[in-house]
Amino acid sequence: MSSQSASASARGESMGQYSMGQYTDIMVGLLVPPLLLGLLVGRALADGLTQAGLASEQIFAGERLPNLNVPQTMSATDDEP
């Protein structure tokens, strides 16, 4: 038996098993791309909504409610004694 296989069997490892550190590396490797993609999508969505808000401000900048002419029903000079 070679010294390398003897040390592997003494630690309880074989060719088909992974150590906890390798599982951690695999999980980090699998979880990082979706996280980065989510950040990019979130940033693009926020920028798009900001641009839509600015465009709507420019569209409605000149739009205001018209002045309403409300008739005066009572004035201070028309008081009855």
N, C-alpha and C. Protein backbone atom coordinates (compact mmCIF):
# COMPACT_ATOMS: atom_id res chain seq x y z
N MET A 1 0.85 -1.17 0.00
CA MET A 1 0.00 0.00 0.00
C MET A 1 0.90 1.23 0.00
N SER A 2 0.52 2.21 -0.81
CA SER A 2 1.35 3.39 -0.90
C SER A 2 1.08 4.30 0.30
N SER A 3 1.97 5.20 0.55
CA SER A 3 1.82 6.10 1.70
C SER A 3 0.67 7.08 1.49
N GLN A 4 0.40 7.44 0.24
CA GLN A 4 -0.67 8.39 -0.04
C GLN A 4 -2.03 7.74 0.22
N SER A 5 -2.24 6.52 -0.23
CA SER A 5 -3.52 5.86 0.00
C SER A 5 -3.67 5.47 1.47
N ALA A 6 -2.56 5.20 2.15
CA ALA A 6 -2.62 4.86 3.57
C ALA A 6 -3.03 6.08 4.38
N SER A 7 -2.52 7.25 4.02
CA SER A 7 -2.89 8.45 4.76
C SER A 7 -4.34 8.84 4.46
N ALA A 8 -4.81 8.61 3.23
CA ALA A 8 -6.19 8.92 2.88
C ALA A 8 -7.14 7.99 3.62
N SER A 9 -6.79 6.72 3.73
CA SER A 9 -7.67 5.79 4.44
C SER A 9 -7.63 6.05 5.94
N ALA A 10 -6.53 6.55 6.45
CA ALA A 10 -6.44 6.87 7.87
C ALA A 10 -7.33 8.06 8.21
N ARG A 11 -7.48 8.97 7.29
CA ARG A 11 -8.34 10.13 7.52
C ARG A 11 -9.80 9.82 7.22
N GLY A 12 -10.09 8.68 6.64
CA GLY A 12 -11.46 8.31 6.33
C GLY A 12 -11.94 8.86 5.01
N GLU A 13 -11.03 9.25 4.12
CA GLU A 13 -11.39 9.79 2.82
C GLU A 13 -11.15 8.73 1.76
N SER A 14 -11.97 8.79 0.74
CA SER A 14 -11.73 7.96 -0.43
C SER A 14 -11.89 8.84 -1.65
N MET A 15 -11.76 8.27 -2.81
CA MET A 15 -11.80 9.05 -4.04
C MET A 15 -13.18 9.67 -4.27
N GLY A 16 -14.28 9.06 -3.85
CA GLY A 16 -15.61 9.54 -4.11
C GLY A 16 -16.16 10.47 -3.05
N GLN A 17 -15.44 10.74 -1.98
CA GLN A 17 -15.96 11.57 -0.90
C GLN A 17 -15.34 12.96 -0.96
N TYR A 18 -16.12 13.93 -0.50
CA TYR A 18 -15.64 15.30 -0.41
C TYR A 18 -15.55 15.69 1.05
N SER A 19 -14.63 16.56 1.35
CA SER A 19 -14.55 17.08 2.71
C SER A 19 -15.51 18.25 2.85
N MET A 20 -15.72 18.71 4.06
CA MET A 20 -16.65 19.81 4.31
C MET A 20 -16.20 21.08 3.60
N GLY A 21 -14.92 21.34 3.53
CA GLY A 21 -14.41 22.51 2.83
C GLY A 21 -14.71 22.48 1.35
N GLN A 22 -14.67 21.30 0.76
CA GLN A 22 -14.98 21.18 -0.66
C GLN A 22 -16.47 21.41 -0.90
N TYR A 23 -17.34 20.95 0.00
CA TYR A 23 -18.77 21.21 -0.13
C TYR A 23 -19.04 22.72 -0.03
N THR A 24 -18.34 23.37 0.86
CA THR A 24 -18.50 24.82 1.01
C THR A 24 -18.08 25.53 -0.27
N ASP A 25 -16.96 25.12 -0.84
CA ASP A 25 -16.50 25.73 -2.08
C ASP A 25 -17.49 25.51 -3.21
N ILE A 26 -18.06 24.33 -3.29
CA ILE A 26 -19.03 24.03 -4.33
C ILE A 26 -20.29 24.87 -4.13
N MET A 27 -20.77 24.97 -2.92
CA MET A 27 -21.98 25.75 -2.65
C MET A 27 -21.77 27.23 -2.93
N VAL A 28 -20.62 27.76 -2.55
CA VAL A 28 -20.32 29.16 -2.83
C VAL A 28 -20.25 29.37 -4.34
N GLY A 29 -19.62 28.45 -5.04
CA GLY A 29 -19.51 28.54 -6.49
C GLY A 29 -20.87 28.49 -7.17
N LEU A 30 -21.80 27.73 -6.63
CA LEU A 30 -23.13 27.63 -7.22
C LEU A 30 -24.03 28.81 -6.86
N LEU A 31 -23.80 29.44 -5.72
CA LEU A 31 -24.68 30.51 -5.26
C LEU A 31 -24.25 31.90 -5.69
N VAL A 32 -23.00 32.09 -6.04
CA VAL A 32 -22.52 33.42 -6.40
C VAL A 32 -23.11 33.92 -7.73
N PRO A 33 -23.15 33.13 -8.80
CA PRO A 33 -23.72 33.66 -10.05
C PRO A 33 -25.17 34.12 -9.93
N PRO A 34 -26.09 33.36 -9.29
CA PRO A 34 -27.45 33.90 -9.15
C PRO A 34 -27.50 35.18 -8.31
N LEU A 35 -26.65 35.30 -7.33
CA LEU A 35 -26.60 36.50 -6.51
C LEU A 35 -26.17 37.71 -7.35
N LEU A 36 -25.11 37.54 -8.13
CA LEU A 36 -24.64 38.62 -8.98
C LEU A 36 -25.68 38.98 -10.04
N LEU A 37 -26.34 37.98 -10.60
CA LEU A 37 -27.39 38.24 -11.58
C LEU A 37 -28.54 39.01 -10.94
N GLY A 38 -28.91 38.65 -9.72
CA GLY A 38 -29.97 39.36 -9.02
C GLY A 38 -29.60 40.81 -8.75
N LEU A 39 -28.36 41.06 -8.39
CA LEU A 39 -27.92 42.44 -8.18
C LEU A 39 -27.96 43.24 -9.46
N LEU A 40 -27.53 42.64 -10.57
CA LEU A 40 -27.56 43.35 -11.85
C LEU A 40 -28.99 43.63 -12.29
N VAL A 41 -29.88 42.67 -12.13
CA VAL A 41 -31.28 42.88 -12.51
C VAL A 41 -31.91 43.95 -11.62
N GLY A 42 -31.62 43.92 -10.33
CA GLY A 42 -32.15 44.93 -9.42
C GLY A 42 -31.68 46.32 -9.77
N ARG A 43 -30.41 46.45 -10.11
CA ARG A 43 -29.88 47.77 -10.48
C ARG A 43 -30.50 48.25 -11.79
N ALA A 44 -30.64 47.33 -12.76
CA ALA A 44 -31.25 47.72 -14.04
C ALA A 44 -32.71 48.12 -13.84
N LEU A 45 -33.41 47.40 -12.98
CA LEU A 45 -34.81 47.74 -12.71
C LEU A 45 -34.92 49.10 -12.03
N ALA A 46 -34.06 49.36 -11.07
CA ALA A 46 -34.08 50.65 -10.39
C ALA A 46 -33.76 51.79 -11.35
N ASP A 47 -32.78 51.59 -12.22
CA ASP A 47 -32.44 52.63 -13.20
C ASP A 47 -33.59 52.85 -14.17
N GLY A 48 -34.23 51.77 -14.61
CA GLY A 48 -35.36 51.90 -15.52
C GLY A 48 -36.52 52.64 -14.90
N LEU A 49 -36.83 52.33 -13.65
CA LEU A 49 -37.92 53.03 -12.97
C LEU A 49 -37.59 54.51 -12.74
N THR A 50 -36.33 54.79 -12.45
CA THR A 50 -35.91 56.19 -12.29
C THR A 50 -36.08 56.95 -13.60
N GLN A 51 -35.66 56.33 -14.70
CA GLN A 51 -35.80 56.98 -16.01
C GLN A 51 -37.27 57.17 -16.37
N ALA A 52 -38.11 56.20 -16.05
CA ALA A 52 -39.54 56.34 -16.32
C ALA A 52 -40.14 57.48 -15.49
N GLY A 53 -39.70 57.62 -14.26
CA GLY A 53 -40.17 58.72 -13.42
C GLY A 53 -39.76 60.07 -13.96
N LEU A 54 -38.53 60.16 -14.41
CA LEU A 54 -38.06 61.43 -14.99
C LEU A 54 -38.80 61.76 -16.27
N ALA A 55 -39.06 60.75 -17.09
CA ALA A 55 -39.79 60.99 -18.34
C ALA A 55 -41.21 61.43 -18.04
N SER A 56 -41.84 60.83 -17.04
CA SER A 56 -43.21 61.24 -16.71
C SER A 56 -43.24 62.65 -16.14
N GLU A 57 -42.20 63.05 -15.43
CA GLU A 57 -42.13 64.44 -14.95
C GLU A 57 -42.06 65.40 -16.12
N GLN A 58 -41.28 65.06 -17.15
CA GLN A 58 -41.15 65.93 -18.31
C GLN A 58 -42.45 65.99 -19.11
N ILE A 59 -43.17 64.88 -19.17
CA ILE A 59 -44.43 64.85 -19.91
C ILE A 59 -45.46 65.74 -19.22
N PHE A 60 -45.55 65.62 -17.91
CA PHE A 60 -46.59 66.32 -17.17
C PHE A 60 -46.13 67.67 -16.60
N ALA A 61 -44.98 68.15 -17.00
CA ALA A 61 -44.48 69.41 -16.44
C ALA A 61 -45.37 70.58 -16.81
N GLY A 62 -45.89 70.63 -18.02
CA GLY A 62 -46.73 71.74 -18.44
C GLY A 62 -48.20 71.51 -18.14
N GLU A 63 -48.55 70.33 -17.70
CA GLU A 63 -49.94 70.01 -17.42
C GLU A 63 -50.29 70.43 -16.01
N ARG A 64 -51.23 71.36 -15.93
CA ARG A 64 -51.71 71.78 -14.61
C ARG A 64 -53.22 71.86 -14.67
N LEU A 65 -53.84 71.82 -13.56
CA LEU A 65 -55.29 71.98 -13.52
C LEU A 65 -55.65 73.40 -13.90
N PRO A 66 -56.72 73.57 -14.65
CA PRO A 66 -57.11 74.93 -15.04
C PRO A 66 -57.63 75.71 -13.84
N ASN A 67 -57.50 77.01 -13.91
CA ASN A 67 -58.05 77.85 -12.86
C ASN A 67 -59.57 77.85 -12.97
N LEU A 68 -60.22 77.57 -11.89
CA LEU A 68 -61.67 77.53 -11.89
C LEU A 68 -62.21 78.88 -11.45
N ASN A 69 -63.16 79.40 -12.19
CA ASN A 69 -63.81 80.65 -11.82
C ASN A 69 -64.99 80.31 -10.92
N VAL A 70 -64.81 80.48 -9.65
CA VAL A 70 -65.86 80.18 -8.68
C VAL A 70 -66.62 81.47 -8.41
N PRO A 71 -67.92 81.48 -8.66
CA PRO A 71 -68.67 82.71 -8.41
C PRO A 71 -68.75 83.00 -6.93
N GLN A 72 -68.67 84.27 -6.61
CA GLN A 72 -68.78 84.70 -5.22
C GLN A 72 -70.27 84.86 -4.90
N THR A 73 -70.81 84.08 -4.00
CA THR A 73 -72.22 84.18 -3.67
C THR A 73 -72.48 85.25 -2.63
N MET A 74 -71.56 85.43 -1.73
CA MET A 74 -71.71 86.47 -0.70
C MET A 74 -70.46 87.32 -0.67
N SER A 75 -70.65 88.58 -0.61
CA SER A 75 -69.50 89.46 -0.46
C SER A 75 -69.69 90.28 0.81
N ALA A 76 -68.70 90.98 1.22
CA ALA A 76 -68.75 91.74 2.47
C ALA A 76 -69.66 92.96 2.32
N THR A 77 -69.87 93.48 1.12
CA THR A 77 -70.71 94.67 0.93
C THR A 77 -72.20 94.33 0.85
N ASP A 78 -72.53 93.06 0.62
CA ASP A 78 -73.92 92.67 0.49
C ASP A 78 -74.52 92.16 1.80
N ASP A 79 -73.96 92.52 2.91
CA ASP A 79 -74.50 92.05 4.19
C ASP A 79 -75.85 92.71 4.48
N GLU A 80 -76.78 91.92 4.94
CA GLU A 80 -78.08 92.47 5.32
C GLU A 80 -78.04 92.86 6.80
N PRO A 81 -78.71 94.00 7.15
CA PRO A 81 -78.69 94.43 8.56
C PRO A 81 -79.60 93.64 9.44
